[in-house]
Amino acid sequence: MRYLTFALGKGRLANETLALFEKIGITCEEMKDKDSRKLIFTNEELKLRFFLSKGPDVPTYVEYGAADIGVVGKDTILEEGRKVHEVLDLGFGKCRMCVCGYKASAALLKHHELIRVATKYPRIAKDYFYNTKHQTVEIIKLNGSIELAPIVGLSEVIVDIVETGSTLKENGLEVLEEVCPLSARMIVNPVTMRMESERIKGLIMRLREQV
């Protein structure tokens, strides 16, 4: 039996994924050692391997077959646009991708005016404005605090992830439109899906019962 390799997004996502896996009897004791410098962790008995990576890299590892299975946020899957199969919504890490700005900017969205949109997610923003709203916009890619953009006049609106909305509120901004709901998803390499379909389907079935 060959190893199945999992790529997990670092941080809270990985912790919640491992907690979920434990419920179906998949454990990796090596990963619990916080001082470990290892990069790849193995469960010899179940023939499983795990490694942690930055979220945006997970779909890349899965597309190229360096990992068979990945767990990552829906926002990352949409933004990276990799050739992977999304097989399961794991139900945690729930939030929303939204268009946000000052209340006055809502009219600009209704009247399809040419506006500037600041975002960490240019692919998602472009798809939403061009293909869903059919509105021509100028998209500005930022890496830091996106909320700053409308405050300092860089853009009329932003496209960003909203969990509680408290940061928006504190800065006089609000959700103007919802782009899509987000949560942690399980993705699989297309070749692995064919070659190991029994094992993968069994895993999905057991996880689905917990989700």
N, C-alpha and C. Protein backbone atom coordinates (compact mmCIF):
# COMPACT_ATOMS: atom_id res chain seq x y z
N MET A 1 0.85 -1.20 0.00
CA MET A 1 0.00 0.00 0.00
C MET A 1 0.89 1.24 0.00
N ARG A 2 0.65 2.16 -0.94
CA ARG A 2 1.46 3.38 -0.99
C ARG A 2 1.00 4.39 0.06
N TYR A 3 1.89 5.29 0.38
CA TYR A 3 1.53 6.35 1.33
C TYR A 3 0.57 7.34 0.67
N LEU A 4 -0.36 7.84 1.48
CA LEU A 4 -1.18 8.98 1.06
C LEU A 4 -0.59 10.19 1.78
N THR A 5 -0.31 11.25 1.04
CA THR A 5 0.32 12.43 1.63
C THR A 5 -0.68 13.59 1.72
N PHE A 6 -0.74 14.19 2.90
CA PHE A 6 -1.65 15.32 3.17
C PHE A 6 -0.85 16.61 3.31
N ALA A 7 -1.28 17.66 2.63
CA ALA A 7 -0.74 19.01 2.85
C ALA A 7 -1.78 19.81 3.62
N LEU A 8 -1.38 20.33 4.77
CA LEU A 8 -2.32 21.08 5.61
C LEU A 8 -1.87 22.53 5.72
N GLY A 9 -2.82 23.46 5.61
CA GLY A 9 -2.52 24.88 5.80
C GLY A 9 -2.11 25.12 7.24
N LYS A 10 -0.98 25.79 7.45
CA LYS A 10 -0.44 26.01 8.81
C LYS A 10 -1.42 26.74 9.72
N GLY A 11 -1.25 26.52 11.02
CA GLY A 11 -2.00 27.30 12.01
C GLY A 11 -3.30 26.65 12.43
N ARG A 12 -4.31 27.50 12.63
CA ARG A 12 -5.61 27.04 13.16
C ARG A 12 -6.22 25.98 12.27
N LEU A 13 -6.07 26.15 10.95
CA LEU A 13 -6.65 25.20 9.99
C LEU A 13 -6.10 23.80 10.21
N ALA A 14 -4.77 23.70 10.36
CA ALA A 14 -4.13 22.39 10.58
C ALA A 14 -4.58 21.78 11.90
N ASN A 15 -4.66 22.61 12.95
CA ASN A 15 -5.07 22.10 14.27
C ASN A 15 -6.49 21.55 14.23
N GLU A 16 -7.39 22.28 13.57
CA GLU A 16 -8.79 21.83 13.50
C GLU A 16 -8.92 20.59 12.62
N THR A 17 -8.09 20.51 11.57
CA THR A 17 -8.11 19.35 10.68
C THR A 17 -7.66 18.10 11.45
N LEU A 18 -6.56 18.24 12.19
CA LEU A 18 -6.04 17.08 12.95
C LEU A 18 -7.03 16.64 14.03
N ALA A 19 -7.71 17.60 14.64
CA ALA A 19 -8.73 17.26 15.65
C ALA A 19 -9.87 16.47 15.01
N LEU A 20 -10.24 16.88 13.79
CA LEU A 20 -11.30 16.17 13.06
C LEU A 20 -10.84 14.78 12.67
N PHE A 21 -9.59 14.66 12.18
CA PHE A 21 -9.04 13.35 11.79
C PHE A 21 -8.99 12.39 12.97
N GLU A 22 -8.68 12.94 14.16
CA GLU A 22 -8.61 12.07 15.35
C GLU A 22 -9.95 11.42 15.65
N LYS A 23 -11.03 12.11 15.32
CA LYS A 23 -12.37 11.56 15.55
C LYS A 23 -12.63 10.31 14.72
N ILE A 24 -11.91 10.18 13.59
CA ILE A 24 -12.11 8.98 12.76
C ILE A 24 -10.90 8.03 12.86
N GLY A 25 -10.11 8.26 13.93
CA GLY A 25 -9.01 7.32 14.21
C GLY A 25 -7.72 7.58 13.46
N ILE A 26 -7.61 8.75 12.81
CA ILE A 26 -6.35 9.09 12.12
C ILE A 26 -5.56 10.02 13.02
N THR A 27 -4.44 9.51 13.54
CA THR A 27 -3.62 10.34 14.42
C THR A 27 -2.20 10.42 13.87
N CYS A 28 -1.49 11.44 14.29
CA CYS A 28 -0.07 11.55 13.95
C CYS A 28 0.63 12.14 15.17
N GLU A 29 1.10 11.23 16.03
CA GLU A 29 1.70 11.66 17.31
C GLU A 29 2.88 12.60 17.09
N GLU A 30 3.66 12.36 16.03
CA GLU A 30 4.84 13.19 15.75
C GLU A 30 4.49 14.67 15.65
N MET A 31 3.29 14.95 15.11
CA MET A 31 2.90 16.35 14.88
C MET A 31 2.59 17.09 16.18
N LYS A 32 2.37 16.33 17.25
CA LYS A 32 2.01 16.96 18.52
C LYS A 32 3.23 17.51 19.25
N ASP A 33 4.41 17.11 18.80
CA ASP A 33 5.64 17.60 19.41
C ASP A 33 5.95 19.00 18.87
N LYS A 34 5.67 20.01 19.69
CA LYS A 34 5.80 21.40 19.25
C LYS A 34 7.27 21.79 18.97
N ASP A 35 8.21 21.06 19.56
CA ASP A 35 9.62 21.40 19.38
C ASP A 35 10.26 20.69 18.19
N SER A 36 9.50 19.84 17.54
CA SER A 36 10.05 19.07 16.42
C SER A 36 10.44 19.98 15.26
N ARG A 37 11.59 19.69 14.65
CA ARG A 37 12.04 20.45 13.48
C ARG A 37 11.73 19.69 12.19
N LYS A 38 11.05 18.57 12.34
CA LYS A 38 10.75 17.76 11.15
C LYS A 38 9.80 18.48 10.22
N LEU A 39 9.89 18.19 8.95
CA LEU A 39 9.01 18.80 7.96
C LEU A 39 7.93 17.84 7.50
N ILE A 40 8.23 16.54 7.56
CA ILE A 40 7.23 15.54 7.16
C ILE A 40 6.99 14.58 8.32
N PHE A 41 5.72 14.36 8.63
CA PHE A 41 5.33 13.50 9.76
C PHE A 41 4.61 12.27 9.23
N THR A 42 4.91 11.12 9.81
CA THR A 42 4.41 9.87 9.24
C THR A 42 3.61 9.05 10.25
N ASN A 43 2.53 8.45 9.77
CA ASN A 43 1.83 7.42 10.53
C ASN A 43 2.07 6.12 9.75
N GLU A 44 3.05 5.34 10.23
CA GLU A 44 3.47 4.12 9.51
C GLU A 44 2.35 3.09 9.41
N GLU A 45 1.60 2.99 10.49
CA GLU A 45 0.54 1.97 10.56
C GLU A 45 -0.52 2.19 9.47
N LEU A 46 -0.93 3.44 9.30
CA LEU A 46 -1.99 3.73 8.33
C LEU A 46 -1.43 4.14 6.96
N LYS A 47 -0.11 4.17 6.86
CA LYS A 47 0.57 4.58 5.61
C LYS A 47 0.10 5.98 5.17
N LEU A 48 0.24 6.93 6.12
CA LEU A 48 -0.13 8.32 5.85
C LEU A 48 1.05 9.23 6.18
N ARG A 49 1.19 10.27 5.36
CA ARG A 49 2.21 11.28 5.63
C ARG A 49 1.55 12.65 5.67
N PHE A 50 2.07 13.53 6.51
CA PHE A 50 1.51 14.87 6.65
C PHE A 50 2.63 15.90 6.57
N PHE A 51 2.34 17.04 5.94
CA PHE A 51 3.25 18.18 6.08
C PHE A 51 2.44 19.47 6.12
N LEU A 52 3.04 20.49 6.74
CA LEU A 52 2.39 21.79 6.88
C LEU A 52 2.97 22.75 5.86
N SER A 53 2.12 23.58 5.31
CA SER A 53 2.63 24.59 4.37
C SER A 53 1.78 25.84 4.47
N LYS A 54 2.25 26.92 3.88
CA LYS A 54 1.44 28.15 3.82
C LYS A 54 0.21 27.85 2.98
N GLY A 55 -0.93 28.39 3.41
CA GLY A 55 -2.20 28.14 2.73
C GLY A 55 -2.16 28.20 1.21
N PRO A 56 -1.66 29.32 0.64
CA PRO A 56 -1.68 29.44 -0.83
C PRO A 56 -0.87 28.37 -1.57
N ASP A 57 0.07 27.71 -0.85
CA ASP A 57 0.88 26.67 -1.50
C ASP A 57 0.19 25.31 -1.54
N VAL A 58 -0.81 25.12 -0.68
CA VAL A 58 -1.46 23.80 -0.58
C VAL A 58 -2.03 23.33 -1.93
N PRO A 59 -2.83 24.16 -2.64
CA PRO A 59 -3.36 23.69 -3.94
C PRO A 59 -2.26 23.38 -4.96
N THR A 60 -1.12 24.08 -4.86
CA THR A 60 0.00 23.83 -5.77
C THR A 60 0.58 22.44 -5.51
N TYR A 61 0.83 22.12 -4.24
CA TYR A 61 1.34 20.79 -3.89
C TYR A 61 0.38 19.70 -4.38
N VAL A 62 -0.91 19.95 -4.24
CA VAL A 62 -1.91 18.94 -4.62
C VAL A 62 -2.00 18.82 -6.14
N GLU A 63 -2.01 19.94 -6.86
CA GLU A 63 -2.11 19.87 -8.32
C GLU A 63 -0.95 19.07 -8.91
N TYR A 64 0.25 19.29 -8.39
CA TYR A 64 1.44 18.64 -8.95
C TYR A 64 1.70 17.25 -8.38
N GLY A 65 0.83 16.80 -7.45
CA GLY A 65 0.96 15.44 -6.93
C GLY A 65 2.01 15.28 -5.83
N ALA A 66 2.59 16.39 -5.35
CA ALA A 66 3.52 16.31 -4.22
C ALA A 66 2.73 15.96 -2.96
N ALA A 67 1.46 16.33 -2.95
CA ALA A 67 0.52 15.89 -1.91
C ALA A 67 -0.69 15.30 -2.62
N ASP A 68 -1.25 14.24 -2.04
CA ASP A 68 -2.44 13.61 -2.64
C ASP A 68 -3.69 14.39 -2.24
N ILE A 69 -3.68 14.85 -0.99
CA ILE A 69 -4.86 15.49 -0.40
C ILE A 69 -4.42 16.78 0.28
N GLY A 70 -5.25 17.81 0.20
CA GLY A 70 -4.95 19.06 0.89
C GLY A 70 -6.15 19.54 1.66
N VAL A 71 -5.90 20.31 2.71
CA VAL A 71 -6.98 20.98 3.43
C VAL A 71 -6.64 22.46 3.48
N VAL A 72 -7.56 23.28 2.94
CA VAL A 72 -7.29 24.70 2.81
C VAL A 72 -8.61 25.47 2.69
N GLY A 73 -8.57 26.77 2.92
CA GLY A 73 -9.78 27.59 2.84
C GLY A 73 -10.29 27.72 1.41
N LYS A 74 -11.60 27.85 1.25
CA LYS A 74 -12.22 28.01 -0.07
C LYS A 74 -11.67 29.24 -0.79
N ASP A 75 -11.35 30.30 -0.03
CA ASP A 75 -10.80 31.51 -0.64
C ASP A 75 -9.50 31.21 -1.38
N THR A 76 -8.65 30.36 -0.78
CA THR A 76 -7.37 29.99 -1.39
C THR A 76 -7.59 29.17 -2.66
N ILE A 77 -8.56 28.26 -2.62
CA ILE A 77 -8.86 27.42 -3.80
C ILE A 77 -9.29 28.31 -4.96
N LEU A 78 -10.19 29.25 -4.68
CA LEU A 78 -10.68 30.15 -5.72
C LEU A 78 -9.58 31.06 -6.25
N GLU A 79 -8.75 31.58 -5.35
CA GLU A 79 -7.72 32.54 -5.75
C GLU A 79 -6.58 31.87 -6.52
N GLU A 80 -6.23 30.65 -6.13
CA GLU A 80 -5.10 29.97 -6.78
C GLU A 80 -5.49 29.34 -8.12
N GLY A 81 -6.76 28.93 -8.24
CA GLY A 81 -7.26 28.40 -9.52
C GLY A 81 -6.51 27.17 -10.02
N ARG A 82 -6.12 26.28 -9.12
CA ARG A 82 -5.36 25.08 -9.51
C ARG A 82 -6.29 23.94 -9.96
N LYS A 83 -5.72 23.00 -10.71
CA LYS A 83 -6.51 21.86 -11.19
C LYS A 83 -6.55 20.78 -10.10
N VAL A 84 -7.54 20.89 -9.23
CA VAL A 84 -7.72 19.93 -8.13
C VAL A 84 -9.20 19.62 -8.01
N HIS A 85 -9.51 18.49 -7.36
CA HIS A 85 -10.92 18.16 -7.10
C HIS A 85 -11.26 18.61 -5.68
N GLU A 86 -12.28 19.45 -5.55
CA GLU A 86 -12.77 19.82 -4.22
C GLU A 86 -13.81 18.78 -3.83
N VAL A 87 -13.54 18.03 -2.75
CA VAL A 87 -14.40 16.87 -2.45
C VAL A 87 -15.26 17.01 -1.20
N LEU A 88 -14.89 17.93 -0.30
CA LEU A 88 -15.64 17.99 0.96
C LEU A 88 -15.51 19.35 1.64
N ASP A 89 -16.65 19.86 2.11
CA ASP A 89 -16.68 21.06 2.95
C ASP A 89 -16.55 20.57 4.39
N LEU A 90 -15.46 20.93 5.06
CA LEU A 90 -15.20 20.41 6.41
C LEU A 90 -15.96 21.17 7.50
N GLY A 91 -16.59 22.28 7.11
CA GLY A 91 -17.52 22.94 8.02
C GLY A 91 -16.92 23.83 9.09
N PHE A 92 -15.58 23.93 9.15
CA PHE A 92 -15.00 24.88 10.12
C PHE A 92 -14.30 26.00 9.36
N GLY A 93 -13.83 27.02 10.12
CA GLY A 93 -13.21 28.18 9.47
C GLY A 93 -14.21 28.97 8.64
N LYS A 94 -15.45 29.01 9.10
CA LYS A 94 -16.51 29.67 8.31
C LYS A 94 -16.39 31.20 8.37
N CYS A 95 -16.50 31.81 7.20
CA CYS A 95 -16.53 33.26 7.08
C CYS A 95 -17.09 33.60 5.70
N ARG A 96 -17.01 34.87 5.29
CA ARG A 96 -17.57 35.27 3.99
C ARG A 96 -16.58 36.15 3.23
N MET A 97 -16.60 36.03 1.93
CA MET A 97 -15.86 36.98 1.09
C MET A 97 -16.87 38.06 0.72
N CYS A 98 -16.52 39.31 0.99
CA CYS A 98 -17.49 40.39 0.80
C CYS A 98 -16.89 41.61 0.11
N VAL A 99 -17.77 42.40 -0.49
CA VAL A 99 -17.40 43.74 -0.96
C VAL A 99 -17.76 44.69 0.17
N CYS A 100 -16.79 45.47 0.63
CA CYS A 100 -17.02 46.36 1.76
C CYS A 100 -16.58 47.79 1.42
N GLY A 101 -17.12 48.74 2.16
CA GLY A 101 -16.75 50.13 1.94
C GLY A 101 -17.64 51.04 2.77
N TYR A 102 -17.57 52.33 2.51
CA TYR A 102 -18.47 53.27 3.18
C TYR A 102 -19.88 53.07 2.61
N LYS A 103 -20.87 53.36 3.44
CA LYS A 103 -22.28 53.19 3.04
C LYS A 103 -22.58 53.90 1.71
N ALA A 104 -21.98 55.07 1.54
CA ALA A 104 -22.22 55.88 0.33
C ALA A 104 -21.78 55.18 -0.96
N SER A 105 -20.84 54.24 -0.82
CA SER A 105 -20.32 53.54 -2.00
C SER A 105 -21.29 52.50 -2.57
N ALA A 106 -22.33 52.17 -1.82
CA ALA A 106 -23.32 51.19 -2.28
C ALA A 106 -23.93 51.62 -3.61
N ALA A 107 -24.14 52.93 -3.78
CA ALA A 107 -24.74 53.46 -5.02
C ALA A 107 -23.84 53.20 -6.22
N LEU A 108 -22.52 53.27 -6.01
CA LEU A 108 -21.56 53.04 -7.10
C LEU A 108 -21.64 51.61 -7.60
N LEU A 109 -21.98 50.69 -6.70
CA LEU A 109 -22.11 49.27 -7.08
C LEU A 109 -23.40 49.04 -7.86
N LYS A 110 -24.44 49.77 -7.48
CA LYS A 110 -25.74 49.62 -8.16
C LYS A 110 -25.71 50.20 -9.58
N HIS A 111 -25.00 51.31 -9.74
CA HIS A 111 -25.02 52.00 -11.03
C HIS A 111 -23.88 51.60 -11.96
N HIS A 112 -23.15 50.55 -11.56
CA HIS A 112 -22.08 50.01 -12.41
C HIS A 112 -21.05 51.06 -12.83
N GLU A 113 -20.70 51.91 -11.87
CA GLU A 113 -19.71 52.94 -12.19
C GLU A 113 -18.31 52.34 -12.20
N LEU A 114 -17.40 53.00 -12.92
CA LEU A 114 -16.01 52.54 -12.95
C LEU A 114 -15.38 52.93 -11.62
N ILE A 115 -15.06 51.94 -10.80
CA ILE A 115 -14.50 52.22 -9.47
C ILE A 115 -13.21 51.42 -9.28
N ARG A 116 -12.48 51.80 -8.21
CA ARG A 116 -11.27 51.05 -7.86
C ARG A 116 -11.58 50.11 -6.70
N VAL A 117 -11.08 48.89 -6.81
CA VAL A 117 -11.32 47.85 -5.81
C VAL A 117 -9.97 47.37 -5.28
N ALA A 118 -9.74 47.51 -3.98
CA ALA A 118 -8.50 47.02 -3.37
C ALA A 118 -8.75 45.65 -2.74
N THR A 119 -7.79 44.73 -2.90
CA THR A 119 -8.00 43.38 -2.40
C THR A 119 -6.71 42.57 -2.34
N LYS A 120 -6.71 41.54 -1.48
CA LYS A 120 -5.64 40.54 -1.48
C LYS A 120 -5.98 39.44 -2.48
N TYR A 121 -7.21 39.48 -2.98
CA TYR A 121 -7.73 38.38 -3.82
C TYR A 121 -8.14 38.89 -5.20
N PRO A 122 -7.17 39.29 -6.05
CA PRO A 122 -7.52 39.87 -7.34
C PRO A 122 -8.31 38.94 -8.26
N ARG A 123 -8.02 37.65 -8.22
CA ARG A 123 -8.73 36.70 -9.09
C ARG A 123 -10.21 36.61 -8.70
N ILE A 124 -10.47 36.52 -7.40
CA ILE A 124 -11.85 36.42 -6.90
C ILE A 124 -12.60 37.72 -7.20
N ALA A 125 -11.94 38.86 -6.95
CA ALA A 125 -12.57 40.16 -7.18
C ALA A 125 -12.90 40.35 -8.66
N LYS A 126 -11.96 40.00 -9.52
CA LYS A 126 -12.16 40.16 -10.96
C LYS A 126 -13.31 39.28 -11.45
N ASP A 127 -13.34 38.03 -10.99
CA ASP A 127 -14.40 37.11 -11.39
C ASP A 127 -15.77 37.63 -10.95
N TYR A 128 -15.84 38.15 -9.72
CA TYR A 128 -17.11 38.65 -9.20
C TYR A 128 -17.60 39.87 -9.98
N PHE A 129 -16.73 40.86 -10.14
CA PHE A 129 -17.16 42.09 -10.81
C PHE A 129 -17.38 41.90 -12.31
N TYR A 130 -16.52 41.14 -12.96
CA TYR A 130 -16.62 41.00 -14.41
C TYR A 130 -17.68 39.97 -14.82
N ASN A 131 -17.71 38.83 -14.13
CA ASN A 131 -18.59 37.73 -14.57
C ASN A 131 -19.93 37.66 -13.85
N THR A 132 -19.98 38.13 -12.60
CA THR A 132 -21.25 38.08 -11.86
C THR A 132 -22.00 39.40 -11.97
N LYS A 133 -21.28 40.51 -11.73
CA LYS A 133 -21.94 41.83 -11.74
C LYS A 133 -21.87 42.53 -13.10
N HIS A 134 -20.95 42.08 -13.96
CA HIS A 134 -20.73 42.72 -15.27
C HIS A 134 -20.45 44.21 -15.10
N GLN A 135 -19.54 44.48 -14.15
CA GLN A 135 -19.14 45.86 -13.87
C GLN A 135 -17.63 45.98 -14.11
N THR A 136 -17.24 46.98 -14.87
CA THR A 136 -15.81 47.19 -15.13
C THR A 136 -15.20 47.94 -13.95
N VAL A 137 -14.13 47.38 -13.40
CA VAL A 137 -13.47 48.00 -12.25
C VAL A 137 -11.96 47.96 -12.44
N GLU A 138 -11.27 48.80 -11.68
CA GLU A 138 -9.80 48.72 -11.64
C GLU A 138 -9.43 48.01 -10.34
N ILE A 139 -8.71 46.90 -10.45
CA ILE A 139 -8.38 46.12 -9.26
C ILE A 139 -6.95 46.42 -8.80
N ILE A 140 -6.83 46.76 -7.52
CA ILE A 140 -5.53 47.09 -6.94
C ILE A 140 -5.17 46.00 -5.92
N LYS A 141 -4.05 45.32 -6.16
CA LYS A 141 -3.63 44.24 -5.26
C LYS A 141 -2.86 44.81 -4.08
N LEU A 142 -3.31 44.48 -2.88
CA LEU A 142 -2.61 44.87 -1.65
C LEU A 142 -2.28 43.63 -0.83
N ASN A 143 -1.33 43.76 0.08
CA ASN A 143 -0.96 42.62 0.93
C ASN A 143 -1.25 42.84 2.40
N GLY A 144 -1.36 44.10 2.80
CA GLY A 144 -1.56 44.39 4.23
C GLY A 144 -3.01 44.63 4.59
N SER A 145 -3.25 45.59 5.50
CA SER A 145 -4.62 45.88 5.96
C SER A 145 -5.44 46.48 4.83
N ILE A 146 -6.33 45.69 4.30
CA ILE A 146 -7.13 46.13 3.14
C ILE A 146 -8.09 47.26 3.54
N GLU A 147 -8.53 47.26 4.80
CA GLU A 147 -9.50 48.28 5.26
C GLU A 147 -8.98 49.70 5.09
N LEU A 148 -7.66 49.85 5.06
CA LEU A 148 -7.06 51.18 4.91
C LEU A 148 -7.42 51.83 3.57
N ALA A 149 -7.56 51.00 2.53
CA ALA A 149 -7.69 51.53 1.16
C ALA A 149 -8.81 52.57 0.99
N PRO A 150 -10.06 52.27 1.41
CA PRO A 150 -11.11 53.30 1.25
C PRO A 150 -10.92 54.48 2.21
N ILE A 151 -10.30 54.23 3.37
CA ILE A 151 -10.12 55.28 4.37
C ILE A 151 -9.16 56.35 3.85
N VAL A 152 -8.09 55.91 3.16
CA VAL A 152 -7.10 56.88 2.66
C VAL A 152 -7.38 57.29 1.21
N GLY A 153 -8.49 56.79 0.65
CA GLY A 153 -8.88 57.21 -0.69
C GLY A 153 -8.20 56.47 -1.83
N LEU A 154 -7.58 55.31 -1.53
CA LEU A 154 -6.95 54.52 -2.59
C LEU A 154 -8.00 53.84 -3.46
N SER A 155 -9.10 53.39 -2.83
CA SER A 155 -10.16 52.71 -3.58
C SER A 155 -11.52 53.06 -3.00
N GLU A 156 -12.55 52.87 -3.82
CA GLU A 156 -13.92 53.11 -3.33
C GLU A 156 -14.38 51.96 -2.43
N VAL A 157 -14.04 50.73 -2.84
CA VAL A 157 -14.45 49.56 -2.07
C VAL A 157 -13.28 48.57 -1.96
N ILE A 158 -13.48 47.56 -1.09
CA ILE A 158 -12.51 46.47 -0.96
C ILE A 158 -13.23 45.14 -1.12
N VAL A 159 -12.49 44.10 -1.49
CA VAL A 159 -13.01 42.73 -1.46
C VAL A 159 -12.13 41.98 -0.47
N ASP A 160 -12.75 41.49 0.61
CA ASP A 160 -11.95 40.88 1.68
C ASP A 160 -12.78 39.85 2.45
N ILE A 161 -12.09 39.08 3.27
CA ILE A 161 -12.76 38.09 4.12
C ILE A 161 -13.34 38.81 5.34
N VAL A 162 -14.58 38.49 5.66
CA VAL A 162 -15.24 39.05 6.84
C VAL A 162 -15.64 37.91 7.77
N GLU A 163 -15.14 37.98 9.02
CA GLU A 163 -15.55 36.98 10.02
C GLU A 163 -16.62 37.59 10.91
N THR A 164 -16.23 38.56 11.74
CA THR A 164 -17.21 39.18 12.64
C THR A 164 -17.64 40.55 12.13
N GLY A 165 -16.79 41.20 11.35
CA GLY A 165 -17.11 42.54 10.85
C GLY A 165 -16.76 43.65 11.82
N SER A 166 -16.12 43.30 12.96
CA SER A 166 -15.83 44.33 13.98
C SER A 166 -14.78 45.34 13.50
N THR A 167 -13.76 44.86 12.74
CA THR A 167 -12.75 45.80 12.21
C THR A 167 -13.39 46.80 11.26
N LEU A 168 -14.31 46.32 10.43
CA LEU A 168 -15.02 47.21 9.51
C LEU A 168 -15.77 48.28 10.29
N LYS A 169 -16.56 47.81 11.27
CA LYS A 169 -17.40 48.71 12.08
C LYS A 169 -16.56 49.81 12.74
N GLU A 170 -15.45 49.38 13.34
CA GLU A 170 -14.59 50.32 14.05
C GLU A 170 -14.05 51.42 13.14
N ASN A 171 -13.99 51.12 11.84
CA ASN A 171 -13.44 52.09 10.89
C ASN A 171 -14.51 52.71 9.99
N GLY A 172 -15.78 52.58 10.41
CA GLY A 172 -16.88 53.23 9.68
C GLY A 172 -17.23 52.57 8.36
N LEU A 173 -16.76 51.33 8.15
CA LEU A 173 -17.05 50.60 6.90
C LEU A 173 -18.10 49.54 7.16
N GLU A 174 -18.70 49.04 6.09
CA GLU A 174 -19.69 47.96 6.26
C GLU A 174 -19.69 47.03 5.05
N VAL A 175 -20.32 45.87 5.24
CA VAL A 175 -20.48 44.91 4.13
C VAL A 175 -21.52 45.47 3.18
N LEU A 176 -21.16 45.59 1.91
CA LEU A 176 -22.09 46.11 0.90
C LEU A 176 -22.70 44.98 0.06
N GLU A 177 -21.90 43.96 -0.21
CA GLU A 177 -22.38 42.80 -0.98
C GLU A 177 -21.59 41.56 -0.55
N GLU A 178 -22.26 40.41 -0.57
CA GLU A 178 -21.55 39.16 -0.27
C GLU A 178 -21.14 38.49 -1.58
N VAL A 179 -19.87 38.12 -1.67
CA VAL A 179 -19.36 37.45 -2.88
C VAL A 179 -19.63 35.95 -2.78
N CYS A 180 -19.21 35.32 -1.68
CA CYS A 180 -19.46 33.88 -1.48
C CYS A 180 -19.14 33.47 -0.04
N PRO A 181 -19.77 32.38 0.43
CA PRO A 181 -19.43 31.85 1.75
C PRO A 181 -18.12 31.07 1.66
N LEU A 182 -17.37 31.07 2.76
CA LEU A 182 -16.08 30.38 2.80
C LEU A 182 -16.01 29.43 3.99
N SER A 183 -15.20 28.40 3.85
CA SER A 183 -14.89 27.48 4.95
C SER A 183 -13.74 26.58 4.50
N ALA A 184 -13.28 25.73 5.41
CA ALA A 184 -12.18 24.82 5.08
C ALA A 184 -12.69 23.72 4.15
N ARG A 185 -11.93 23.41 3.12
CA ARG A 185 -12.33 22.38 2.15
C ARG A 185 -11.21 21.35 1.99
N MET A 186 -11.62 20.14 1.60
CA MET A 186 -10.65 19.09 1.30
C MET A 186 -10.52 18.98 -0.21
N ILE A 187 -9.27 19.00 -0.69
CA ILE A 187 -9.03 18.88 -2.13
C ILE A 187 -8.16 17.66 -2.41
N VAL A 188 -8.33 17.09 -3.60
CA VAL A 188 -7.60 15.87 -3.95
C VAL A 188 -6.98 16.02 -5.34
N ASN A 189 -5.79 15.46 -5.50
CA ASN A 189 -5.13 15.42 -6.80
C ASN A 189 -5.93 14.52 -7.75
N PRO A 190 -6.20 14.99 -8.99
CA PRO A 190 -7.04 14.22 -9.93
C PRO A 190 -6.53 12.80 -10.21
N VAL A 191 -5.21 12.63 -10.30
CA VAL A 191 -4.66 11.29 -10.57
C VAL A 191 -4.87 10.38 -9.36
N THR A 192 -4.60 10.92 -8.16
CA THR A 192 -4.83 10.14 -6.92
C THR A 192 -6.29 9.73 -6.82
N MET A 193 -7.18 10.64 -7.23
CA MET A 193 -8.62 10.38 -7.16
C MET A 193 -8.97 9.12 -7.95
N ARG A 194 -8.28 8.94 -9.09
CA ARG A 194 -8.54 7.75 -9.92
C ARG A 194 -7.83 6.51 -9.37
N MET A 195 -6.56 6.67 -9.01
CA MET A 195 -5.73 5.54 -8.60
C MET A 195 -6.12 4.98 -7.22
N GLU A 196 -6.52 5.89 -6.33
CA GLU A 196 -6.80 5.48 -4.94
C GLU A 196 -8.25 5.75 -4.58
N SER A 197 -9.13 5.58 -5.55
CA SER A 197 -10.52 6.02 -5.34
C SER A 197 -11.19 5.34 -4.13
N GLU A 198 -10.88 4.05 -3.90
CA GLU A 198 -11.51 3.35 -2.76
C GLU A 198 -11.09 3.98 -1.43
N ARG A 199 -9.78 4.18 -1.28
CA ARG A 199 -9.27 4.75 -0.02
C ARG A 199 -9.78 6.17 0.19
N ILE A 200 -9.78 6.95 -0.88
CA ILE A 200 -10.22 8.35 -0.77
C ILE A 200 -11.71 8.41 -0.45
N LYS A 201 -12.50 7.60 -1.16
CA LYS A 201 -13.95 7.62 -0.92
C LYS A 201 -14.27 7.17 0.51
N GLY A 202 -13.54 6.18 1.00
CA GLY A 202 -13.73 5.71 2.37
C GLY A 202 -13.43 6.82 3.37
N LEU A 203 -12.35 7.54 3.12
CA LEU A 203 -11.95 8.64 3.99
C LEU A 203 -13.01 9.75 3.98
N ILE A 204 -13.48 10.10 2.78
CA ILE A 204 -14.50 11.16 2.65
C ILE A 204 -15.77 10.76 3.40
N MET A 205 -16.14 9.49 3.26
CA MET A 205 -17.38 9.01 3.89
C MET A 205 -17.29 9.12 5.41
N ARG A 206 -16.13 8.69 5.98
CA ARG A 206 -15.96 8.74 7.43
C ARG A 206 -15.91 10.19 7.93
N LEU A 207 -15.27 11.05 7.16
CA LEU A 207 -15.22 12.47 7.55
C LEU A 207 -16.59 13.12 7.47
N ARG A 208 -17.35 12.77 6.43
CA ARG A 208 -18.67 13.36 6.23
C ARG A 208 -19.58 13.06 7.43
N GLU A 209 -19.43 11.89 8.01
CA GLU A 209 -20.25 11.52 9.19
C GLU A 209 -19.94 12.44 10.37
N GLN A 210 -18.70 12.90 10.47
CA GLN A 210 -18.30 13.80 11.57
C GLN A 210 -18.71 15.24 11.30
N VAL A 211 -18.68 15.62 10.02
CA VAL A 211 -18.97 16.99 9.63
C VAL A 211 -20.46 17.25 9.73
